[in-house]
Protein backbone atom coordinates (compact mmCIF):
# COMPACT_ATOMS: atom_id res chain seq x y z
CA MET A 1 -18.86 24.09 6.98
CA PHE A 2 -15.10 23.43 6.92
CA GLN A 3 -12.88 26.33 6.15
CA ASP A 4 -9.39 24.61 6.36
CA LEU A 5 -7.75 21.25 6.96
CA GLU A 6 -7.07 21.98 10.63
CA GLN A 7 -10.93 21.90 11.19
CA VAL A 8 -10.99 18.65 9.21
CA GLU A 9 -8.32 17.15 11.45
CA ARG A 10 -10.25 18.04 14.55
CA PHE A 11 -13.49 16.60 12.97
CA PHE A 12 -11.80 13.31 12.07
CA LYS A 13 -10.03 13.07 15.49
CA GLU A 14 -13.44 13.24 17.30
CA ARG A 15 -14.85 10.63 14.90
CA ARG A 16 -12.16 8.15 15.81
CA ALA A 17 -14.08 7.35 18.96
CA PHE A 18 -16.61 5.43 16.68
CA GLY A 19 -13.87 2.97 15.86
CA ILE A 20 -13.30 0.76 12.82
CA LYS A 21 -16.51 -0.83 11.70
CA PRO A 22 -16.33 -3.22 8.73
CA GLY A 23 -19.43 -3.37 6.44
CA LEU A 24 -20.69 -1.49 3.43
CA THR A 25 -24.07 -0.28 4.48
CA ARG A 26 -22.76 3.22 5.57
CA MET A 27 -20.77 3.46 2.32
CA TYR A 28 -23.73 2.74 0.12
CA ASN A 29 -25.66 5.41 2.00
CA LEU A 30 -22.94 8.07 1.48
CA LEU A 31 -22.53 7.29 -2.14
CA GLU A 32 -26.20 7.15 -2.85
CA SER A 33 -26.56 10.64 -1.37
CA GLN A 34 -24.12 11.74 -4.16
CA SER A 35 -25.73 9.96 -7.03
CA ASN A 36 -23.37 7.01 -6.88
CA PRO A 37 -20.16 8.46 -8.29
CA HIS A 38 -18.32 5.07 -8.02
CA LEU A 39 -20.45 3.76 -10.86
CA ASN A 40 -19.32 6.40 -13.38
CA PHE A 41 -15.62 5.41 -13.86
CA LYS A 42 -13.70 2.15 -14.73
CA ALA A 43 -11.58 0.87 -11.96
CA ILE A 44 -8.96 -1.69 -11.03
CA HIS A 45 -9.32 -3.04 -7.44
CA ILE A 46 -6.33 -4.22 -5.54
CA ALA A 47 -6.16 -6.08 -2.29
CA GLY A 48 -3.45 -8.10 -0.46
CA THR A 49 -1.54 -7.95 2.74
CA ASN A 50 1.64 -6.53 1.14
CA GLY A 51 2.67 -5.31 -2.24
CA LYS A 52 -0.47 -3.32 -3.06
CA GLY A 53 1.30 0.08 -3.31
CA SER A 54 4.11 -1.13 -5.50
CA THR A 55 1.77 -3.09 -7.83
CA LEU A 56 -0.40 -0.08 -8.15
CA THR A 57 2.56 2.10 -9.01
CA PHE A 58 3.84 -0.14 -11.80
CA ILE A 59 0.34 -0.28 -13.33
CA LYS A 60 -0.32 3.46 -12.94
CA ASN A 61 3.00 4.52 -14.46
CA ALA A 62 2.47 2.26 -17.42
CA LEU A 63 -0.96 3.62 -18.03
CA GLN A 64 0.12 7.18 -17.65
CA LYS A 65 3.04 6.54 -19.93
CA ASN A 66 0.44 5.53 -22.57
CA ASN A 67 -1.44 8.81 -22.06
CA TYR A 68 -4.23 7.49 -19.90
CA LYS A 69 -5.63 9.92 -17.14
CA VAL A 70 -5.37 7.74 -14.06
CA GLY A 71 -6.99 8.29 -10.67
CA VAL A 72 -5.41 6.57 -7.54
CA PHE A 73 -6.96 5.95 -4.18
CA THR A 74 -4.32 4.71 -1.68
CA SER A 75 -3.81 4.23 2.10
CA PRO A 76 -2.18 5.09 4.21
CA SER A 77 -1.07 8.47 2.88
CA LEU A 78 2.38 9.77 3.60
CA THR A 79 1.11 13.37 2.89
CA GLY A 80 -2.06 13.90 4.90
CA TYR A 81 -5.80 13.68 3.82
CA THR A 82 -5.27 15.08 0.30
CA GLY A 83 -2.60 12.29 -0.38
CA HIS A 84 -5.13 9.59 -0.41
CA MET A 85 -6.57 10.64 -3.72
CA LEU A 86 -4.50 11.65 -6.90
CA ILE A 87 -5.14 12.19 -10.52
CA ASP A 88 -1.96 11.70 -12.66
CA ASP A 89 0.20 11.92 -9.46
CA LYS A 90 -1.29 15.29 -8.35
CA PRO A 91 -3.03 15.08 -4.99
CA ILE A 92 -6.51 16.60 -4.66
CA GLY A 93 -6.06 20.33 -3.74
CA GLU A 94 -7.14 21.54 -0.34
CA GLU A 95 -9.84 23.65 -1.91
CA ASN A 96 -11.38 20.70 -3.76
CA PHE A 97 -11.14 18.35 -0.69
CA LEU A 98 -12.93 20.93 1.50
CA ARG A 99 -15.69 21.57 -1.25
CA LEU A 100 -16.47 17.91 -1.50
CA LEU A 101 -16.34 17.18 2.18
CA ASN A 102 -18.76 20.22 2.69
CA GLN A 103 -20.94 18.70 -0.06
CA LEU A 104 -20.93 15.33 1.77
CA LEU A 105 -21.48 16.80 5.26
CA PRO A 106 -25.35 16.77 5.34
CA ALA A 107 -25.38 13.02 4.46
CA ILE A 108 -22.79 12.37 7.26
CA GLN A 109 -24.96 14.24 9.75
CA ASN A 110 -28.05 12.30 8.68
CA LEU A 111 -26.29 9.00 9.28
CA ASP A 112 -25.04 10.24 12.61
CA VAL A 113 -28.68 10.95 13.69
CA LEU A 114 -29.43 7.43 12.90
CA ASP A 115 -26.59 6.12 14.98
CA MET A 116 -24.83 4.89 11.80
CA HIS A 117 -21.71 7.06 12.12
CA PRO A 118 -19.48 6.87 8.98
CA THR A 119 -15.90 6.28 9.76
CA GLU A 120 -13.01 8.56 8.77
CA PHE A 121 -11.89 6.08 6.16
CA GLU A 122 -15.49 5.87 4.74
CA ILE A 123 -15.65 9.52 4.35
CA ILE A 124 -12.31 9.83 2.64
CA THR A 125 -13.20 6.92 0.26
CA THR A 126 -16.43 8.55 -0.70
CA ILE A 127 -14.69 11.85 -1.32
CA ALA A 128 -12.14 10.06 -3.60
CA PHE A 129 -14.95 8.60 -5.66
CA MET A 130 -16.69 11.96 -5.88
CA TYR A 131 -13.37 13.48 -7.11
CA PHE A 132 -12.81 10.82 -9.87
CA ASN A 133 -16.38 11.04 -11.05
CA GLU A 134 -16.14 11.58 -14.89
CA LYS A 135 -12.65 13.12 -14.64
CA ILE A 136 -10.43 10.10 -15.50
CA ASP A 137 -9.95 7.21 -17.86
CA ILE A 138 -9.42 4.64 -15.17
CA ALA A 139 -8.83 4.47 -11.44
CA ILE A 140 -6.71 2.17 -9.47
CA ILE A 141 -8.38 1.58 -5.99
CA GLU A 142 -6.27 0.13 -3.17
CA ALA A 143 -8.29 -1.81 -0.54
CA GLY A 144 -7.67 -0.58 3.04
CA MET A 145 -8.14 -3.52 5.20
CA GLY A 146 -9.18 -6.91 3.97
CA GLY A 147 -11.51 -6.71 1.05
CA ARG A 148 -14.97 -8.22 1.46
CA GLU A 149 -16.10 -5.66 4.02
CA ASP A 150 -13.63 -2.95 3.05
CA THR A 151 -15.09 0.56 2.21
CA THR A 152 -13.64 0.35 -1.36
CA ASN A 153 -15.58 -2.90 -2.09
CA CYS A 154 -18.66 -1.05 -3.26
CA ILE A 155 -17.06 -0.43 -6.73
CA ARG A 156 -17.61 -2.51 -9.81
CA PRO A 157 -14.11 -3.00 -11.23
CA ILE A 158 -13.08 -4.25 -14.69
CA LEU A 159 -10.19 -6.23 -12.96
CA SER A 160 -9.47 -7.44 -9.46
CA ILE A 161 -5.92 -8.10 -8.07
CA ILE A 162 -4.93 -9.98 -4.99
CA THR A 163 -1.16 -9.52 -4.45
CA ASN A 164 -0.53 -11.90 -1.54
CA ILE A 165 -1.91 -13.32 1.72
CA ALA A 166 -0.02 -12.93 5.16
CA MET A 167 -1.02 -12.58 8.75
CA ASP A 168 -2.21 -8.89 9.40
CA HIS A 169 -5.16 -7.25 11.09
CA ALA A 170 -6.08 -10.57 12.62
CA ASN A 171 -8.48 -8.89 15.13
CA TYR A 172 -10.58 -7.75 12.13
CA LEU A 173 -9.92 -10.30 9.45
CA GLY A 174 -9.52 -13.53 11.48
CA GLY A 175 -6.72 -15.32 13.21
CA SER A 176 -5.69 -17.65 10.31
CA LEU A 177 -4.34 -17.17 6.75
CA GLU A 178 -7.44 -18.96 5.39
CA LYS A 179 -9.83 -16.50 7.09
CA ILE A 180 -7.72 -13.62 5.76
CA ALA A 181 -7.81 -15.09 2.30
CA TYR A 182 -11.54 -15.38 2.50
CA GLN A 183 -11.74 -11.61 3.19
CA LYS A 184 -9.36 -10.73 0.50
CA ALA A 185 -11.21 -12.91 -2.01
CA GLY A 186 -14.29 -10.80 -1.39
CA ILE A 187 -13.17 -8.28 -3.98
CA ILE A 188 -13.57 -10.82 -6.71
CA LYS A 189 -16.63 -9.80 -8.88
CA GLN A 190 -19.07 -11.65 -11.16
CA ASP A 191 -17.53 -12.11 -14.73
CA VAL A 192 -14.55 -9.88 -13.76
CA PRO A 193 -10.98 -11.37 -14.32
CA THR A 194 -8.72 -11.69 -11.27
CA VAL A 195 -4.94 -11.61 -11.09
CA VAL A 196 -3.43 -13.26 -8.04
CA GLY A 197 0.25 -13.03 -6.85
CA LYS A 198 2.31 -15.63 -4.93
CA VAL A 199 -0.18 -17.40 -2.71
CA ASP A 200 0.15 -20.76 -0.89
CA TYR A 201 -2.27 -23.55 -1.83
CA PRO A 202 -4.58 -23.49 1.23
CA CYS A 203 -5.23 -19.72 0.56
CA PHE A 204 -5.29 -20.09 -3.19
CA SER A 205 -7.99 -22.74 -3.01
CA ILE A 206 -10.23 -20.31 -1.15
CA ILE A 207 -9.62 -17.59 -3.86
CA GLU A 208 -10.16 -20.14 -6.60
CA LYS A 209 -13.48 -21.24 -5.08
CA GLU A 210 -14.67 -17.57 -4.84
CA ALA A 211 -13.57 -16.96 -8.55
CA SER A 212 -15.46 -20.13 -9.63
CA ASN A 213 -18.63 -18.94 -7.90
CA LYS A 214 -18.23 -15.59 -9.59
CA ASN A 215 -17.39 -16.90 -12.96
CA SER A 216 -14.08 -14.96 -12.75
CA ILE A 217 -11.06 -16.13 -14.80
CA ILE A 218 -8.04 -16.33 -12.58
CA TYR A 219 -4.40 -15.63 -13.62
CA CYS A 220 -2.08 -16.72 -10.87
CA LEU A 221 1.75 -16.13 -10.60
CA GLU A 222 3.70 -19.41 -10.94
CA LYS A 223 0.68 -21.02 -12.38
CA ASP A 224 -0.41 -18.92 -15.39
CA PHE A 225 2.48 -16.52 -15.65
CA PHE A 226 6.05 -16.75 -14.52
CA TYR A 227 9.46 -15.10 -14.20
CA ASP A 228 12.99 -16.43 -14.39
CA GLU A 229 16.54 -15.31 -15.27
CA VAL A 230 16.68 -12.96 -12.34
CA SER A 231 19.66 -10.74 -11.99
CA ASN A 232 20.73 -8.08 -9.49
CA ILE A 233 22.87 -5.25 -10.59
CA LYS A 234 23.80 -2.16 -8.45
CA ASP A 235 20.79 0.08 -9.23
CA LYS A 236 18.38 -2.29 -11.01
CA GLN A 237 16.96 -5.80 -11.21
CA THR A 238 16.45 -7.63 -14.46
CA PHE A 239 14.35 -10.78 -15.10
CA ARG A 240 12.30 -12.45 -17.93
CA TRP A 241 8.50 -12.49 -17.65
CA TYR A 242 6.49 -14.98 -19.60
CA HIS A 243 2.80 -15.94 -20.26
CA ASP A 244 1.57 -18.18 -23.04
CA LYS A 245 3.91 -17.52 -25.98
CA LEU A 246 5.00 -14.03 -24.63
CA ARG A 247 8.52 -13.75 -23.41
CA ILE A 248 9.39 -10.21 -22.27
CA PRO A 249 12.74 -9.01 -20.71
CA ILE A 250 11.97 -6.73 -17.69
CA GLU A 251 14.22 -4.25 -15.85
CA ILE A 252 13.02 -2.48 -12.68
CA LYS A 253 14.56 0.08 -10.29
CA MET A 254 12.64 -1.07 -7.16
CA LYS A 255 14.80 -3.45 -4.96
CA GLY A 256 14.02 -6.92 -3.63
CA MET A 257 12.49 -10.27 -4.94
CA HIS A 258 9.19 -9.18 -3.74
CA GLN A 259 9.32 -6.33 -6.27
CA ILE A 260 9.89 -8.77 -8.99
CA GLU A 261 6.77 -10.61 -7.96
CA ASN A 262 4.83 -7.27 -7.70
CA SER A 263 5.92 -6.13 -11.21
CA SER A 264 5.12 -9.57 -12.54
CA VAL A 265 1.59 -9.26 -11.28
CA ALA A 266 1.40 -5.74 -12.64
CA LEU A 267 2.51 -6.97 -16.09
CA MET A 268 -0.25 -9.58 -16.12
CA ALA A 269 -2.78 -6.99 -15.21
CA LEU A 270 -1.61 -4.78 -17.96
CA LYS A 271 -1.89 -7.57 -20.45
CA ILE A 272 -5.53 -8.29 -19.44
CA LEU A 273 -6.26 -4.42 -19.60
CA GLN A 274 -4.97 -4.43 -23.06
CA ASP A 275 -7.35 -7.32 -23.97
CA LEU A 276 -10.11 -5.17 -22.33
CA ALA A 277 -9.64 -2.39 -24.87
CA PHE A 278 -6.94 -0.37 -23.28
CA PRO A 279 -4.39 -0.28 -26.02
CA LEU A 280 -0.77 -0.19 -24.69
CA ASP A 281 2.52 0.40 -26.32
CA ARG A 282 5.08 -2.29 -25.11
CA GLU A 283 8.13 0.03 -25.11
CA ASN A 284 6.21 2.65 -23.11
CA VAL A 285 5.28 -0.02 -20.59
CA LEU A 286 8.83 -1.26 -20.19
CA GLU A 287 10.25 2.22 -19.97
CA SER A 288 7.78 3.04 -17.16
CA PHE A 289 8.75 -0.21 -15.23
CA ARG A 290 12.51 0.84 -15.41
CA SER A 291 11.77 4.23 -13.85
CA SER A 292 9.06 3.21 -11.24
CA GLN A 293 9.79 4.00 -7.69
CA LEU A 294 7.52 4.20 -4.52
CA ALA A 295 8.02 6.52 -1.59
CA GLY A 296 8.83 4.59 1.48
CA ARG A 297 9.46 1.13 -0.19
CA PHE A 298 13.15 0.48 0.15
CA GLU A 299 13.72 4.11 -0.87
CA LYS A 300 17.04 5.89 -0.54
CA ILE A 301 16.25 9.33 0.84
CA TYR A 302 19.66 10.54 1.63
CA ASP A 303 23.16 9.94 0.09
CA LYS A 304 25.96 10.71 2.54
CA PRO A 305 25.42 8.88 4.82
CA GLU A 306 23.08 6.55 2.93
CA ILE A 307 19.52 6.46 4.63
CA ILE A 308 16.88 4.11 3.33
CA LEU A 309 13.24 3.99 4.32
CA ASP A 310 10.94 0.98 4.18
CA GLY A 311 7.35 0.54 5.28
CA ALA A 312 7.98 -3.03 6.67
CA HIS A 313 4.85 -2.72 8.69
CA ASN A 314 4.18 -6.49 9.39
CA SER A 315 6.09 -9.76 9.69
CA ASP A 316 5.77 -10.60 6.05
CA GLY A 317 6.89 -7.02 5.04
CA MET A 318 9.82 -7.32 7.48
CA ALA A 319 10.92 -10.62 6.03
CA ALA A 320 10.95 -9.14 2.53
CA PHE A 321 12.84 -6.03 3.81
CA LEU A 322 15.55 -8.10 5.56
CA ASN A 323 15.99 -10.37 2.57
CA THR A 324 16.77 -7.24 0.47
CA VAL A 325 19.04 -5.72 3.08
CA HIS A 326 20.94 -9.13 3.31
CA ASN A 327 21.24 -9.23 -0.50
CA LEU A 328 22.38 -5.74 -1.17
CA TYR A 329 24.18 -4.75 2.09
CA LYS A 330 25.69 -8.07 3.33
CA HIS A 331 29.16 -6.93 4.31
CA ARG A 332 28.47 -3.31 5.32
CA ARG A 333 27.88 -1.47 8.64
CA LYS A 334 24.08 -1.26 9.08
CA HIS A 335 21.88 0.49 11.62
CA LEU A 336 18.15 0.07 12.12
CA VAL A 337 15.66 2.57 13.59
CA PHE A 338 12.21 0.96 14.15
CA ALA A 339 8.71 1.96 15.19
CA GLY A 340 5.10 0.65 14.39
CA PHE A 341 1.58 0.42 15.30
CA HIS A 342 0.41 -1.49 18.39
CA ASP A 343 -1.83 -3.94 16.41
CA LYS A 344 1.25 -5.50 14.66
CA ASP A 345 3.58 -8.14 16.09
CA LEU A 346 6.35 -5.58 16.65
CA THR A 347 8.46 -7.75 19.17
CA ASN A 348 8.59 -10.66 16.81
CA MET A 349 9.57 -8.29 13.88
CA LEU A 350 12.39 -6.82 16.01
CA LYS A 351 13.61 -10.36 16.78
CA MET A 352 13.62 -10.99 13.16
CA ALA A 353 15.73 -7.92 12.42
CA LEU A 354 18.30 -8.09 15.19
CA PRO A 355 20.75 -10.54 13.49
CA TYR A 356 20.96 -8.25 10.38
CA PHE A 357 22.07 -4.94 11.95
CA ASP A 358 25.06 -3.85 13.92
CA THR A 359 22.81 -1.62 16.08
CA VAL A 360 19.06 -1.30 16.50
CA THR A 361 17.31 1.69 17.82
CA VAL A 362 13.61 1.48 18.88
CA THR A 363 11.45 4.67 18.97
CA THR A 364 7.85 5.76 18.79
CA PHE A 365 5.90 8.61 17.13
CA ASP A 366 2.88 10.84 17.60
CA HIS A 367 -0.09 8.79 16.50
CA PRO A 368 -2.97 7.01 18.46
CA ARG A 369 -2.04 3.68 17.09
CA ALA A 370 1.78 4.07 17.76
CA GLU A 371 3.17 1.37 20.15
CA LYS A 372 5.13 2.47 23.23
CA VAL A 373 8.89 1.67 23.14
CA GLU A 374 8.65 -0.44 26.42
CA ASN A 375 5.97 -2.71 24.90
CA ILE A 376 8.07 -3.33 21.76
CA ILE A 377 11.35 -4.09 23.55
CA LYS A 378 9.72 -6.27 26.24
CA ASN A 379 12.02 -9.16 27.14
CA LEU A 380 14.58 -7.87 24.58
CA SER A 381 17.71 -5.95 25.55
CA GLU A 382 20.54 -7.25 23.26
CA ARG A 383 22.02 -4.46 21.31
CA ILE A 384 18.83 -2.26 21.49
CA SER A 385 18.91 1.37 22.28
CA VAL A 386 16.07 3.89 22.63
CA ALA A 387 15.90 7.38 21.34
CA SER A 388 13.55 10.00 20.00
CA TRP A 389 13.41 9.61 16.25
CA LYS A 390 14.07 13.33 15.66
CA GLU A 391 17.24 13.33 17.76
CA LYS A 392 18.33 10.16 15.92
CA VAL A 393 17.94 11.71 12.58
CA ASP A 394 19.74 14.85 13.62
CA LEU A 395 22.55 12.71 15.04
CA ILE A 396 22.91 10.80 11.92
CA LEU A 397 22.97 13.75 9.64
CA GLU A 398 25.36 15.74 11.96
CA GLN A 399 27.89 12.88 12.21
CA GLY A 400 27.81 12.10 8.57
CA GLU A 401 29.75 8.81 8.77
CA LEU A 402 29.91 7.95 5.05
CA ASP A 403 30.72 4.22 5.57
CA GLN A 404 27.53 3.63 7.65
CA HIS A 405 24.09 2.65 6.30
CA TYR A 406 20.96 3.68 8.11
CA PHE A 407 17.50 1.98 7.78
CA PHE A 408 14.23 3.31 9.09
CA ALA A 409 11.58 0.63 8.92
CA GLY A 410 8.12 0.08 10.38
CA SER A 411 4.67 1.80 10.01
CA LEU A 412 4.29 3.77 6.86
CA THR A 413 3.02 6.66 8.98
CA PHE A 414 6.35 6.66 10.78
CA ILE A 415 8.19 6.42 7.53
CA GLY A 416 6.23 9.39 6.18
CA LEU A 417 7.32 11.44 9.29
CA ILE A 418 10.93 10.62 8.65
CA ARG A 419 10.72 11.37 4.99
CA ASP A 420 9.09 14.84 5.59
CA TYR A 421 11.62 15.66 8.28
CA ILE A 422 14.67 14.82 6.16
CA THR A 423 13.18 16.37 3.00
CA ASN A 424 12.13 19.64 4.66
CA ASN A 425 15.37 20.02 6.68
C-alpha cells in the first residue's frame, strides 16, 4: 500500500525498466479489473504531433464557461503525477490519487505475475479514467504517443480530433509522415465525427481512408472550415473563422499562427459538440477564447526582464516557436536557453534556432530522457555557451537587464522545472 507520493515515485522509477510498450491488451485488463470506468463518461479524444494541449485548452475553457464539468487527461504534466488528471482545472488530490492507485495495485500485481507488466503511463491513464467515472459531464483525453496503440485509445469518444502530423517519436511510430499519420488516424472511431487540423495531402489521404472505413464524417481545416483577416496586436491576435454560412470574429491571447490554427480546430469541435446536444452560448465561447492561456506555450512568466517559456520539443514545434519570435521580437535583443529529450532531433532544432537569437545557451536537466549537452552541441560551436539552468536563471534575474528578452525552450518537462523555479523563488 502506498502512503505518499515519494513511494509512488520510487515505484514508477523501478517500472521504467519495463520500457515503453505500445498496445492496448494491458490497458483493457486494468480497466476490466475496475469495471471499465472508461465506458461511463462522454469523451473527446485528441491526437496530433503538436497543438494538442492548446486545442484542448480552448475547448475545455469554452465548455467550462458554459457550466459543464470537464475532466482533462493530459501529458506530460508540469506538476507531477497528480497534474495528469484534472476536473475543472483542479488536479486530483494526493489522497485520491493514492486511494485509486492502491485500489488498482492488485490488478497491476496480477499482470506482473503474468509477465505483462503495465507501464507507468498505462497505470496513470487507468487512474484518470477511474477518477472521471460518473463525476463529470465530459472528458477531454489527450493521446500520449501516436494514437492507434496509445493507452488512451481504449475510450469510445463522441468526437475525435487530429491536430496535425509531423515527425516525432519515429522509433515507435515509424520513420515517415505517412506511417505517423496511420498511427494518429487510429483514434478515429466507427460513426464518430473527426476534426482535422492543417495536414498535407499524403497524410490527409491516410486519415480520410480511415474515416471512410469507419463511416466517420471529417471536418478539415482549409477544406471544410477556414480562417482569414488575421491581425496581430500587442497582446492578442484576431481573425475571422468561417464554416458554411457561419462567419465569426475571433480574438485570442495565445501567440503565433499555429494558435490561430489550433483555435480554429477547437471552434469546429465546439460546433460539432453543439450539434451533439451540448448547448453552448456563443458569447461565452468567444469570451473563453479571449482569455485562454496554456502554461509553457509561449508563456510570459516574468516581466522585468521579460522571460518567455515555450515547449518547442520537436522540429515542427521549434519552427512554430521561431516564427512567433520573429514576428513579435524581430528588432529586440533575444537570448535562448535550450534543453530537451534524447529521442528528439535536438541538434537540428538548435541549428534552426541559432539565426534568431543574439546568444544561445545549451543546458540539461535531471531526467532519464534528458540529453547531455555535449551530444546536443556536437559539431556546433558558433555563439553557443553551456551552463547549469539554475545558474542561468539566477544570473538573468540578478542582472535584471530590462532591454533583454529571454526564451527558455525545449522539452515540456524542462519548461516545467524552469516555471516552478521562477514561480517559487
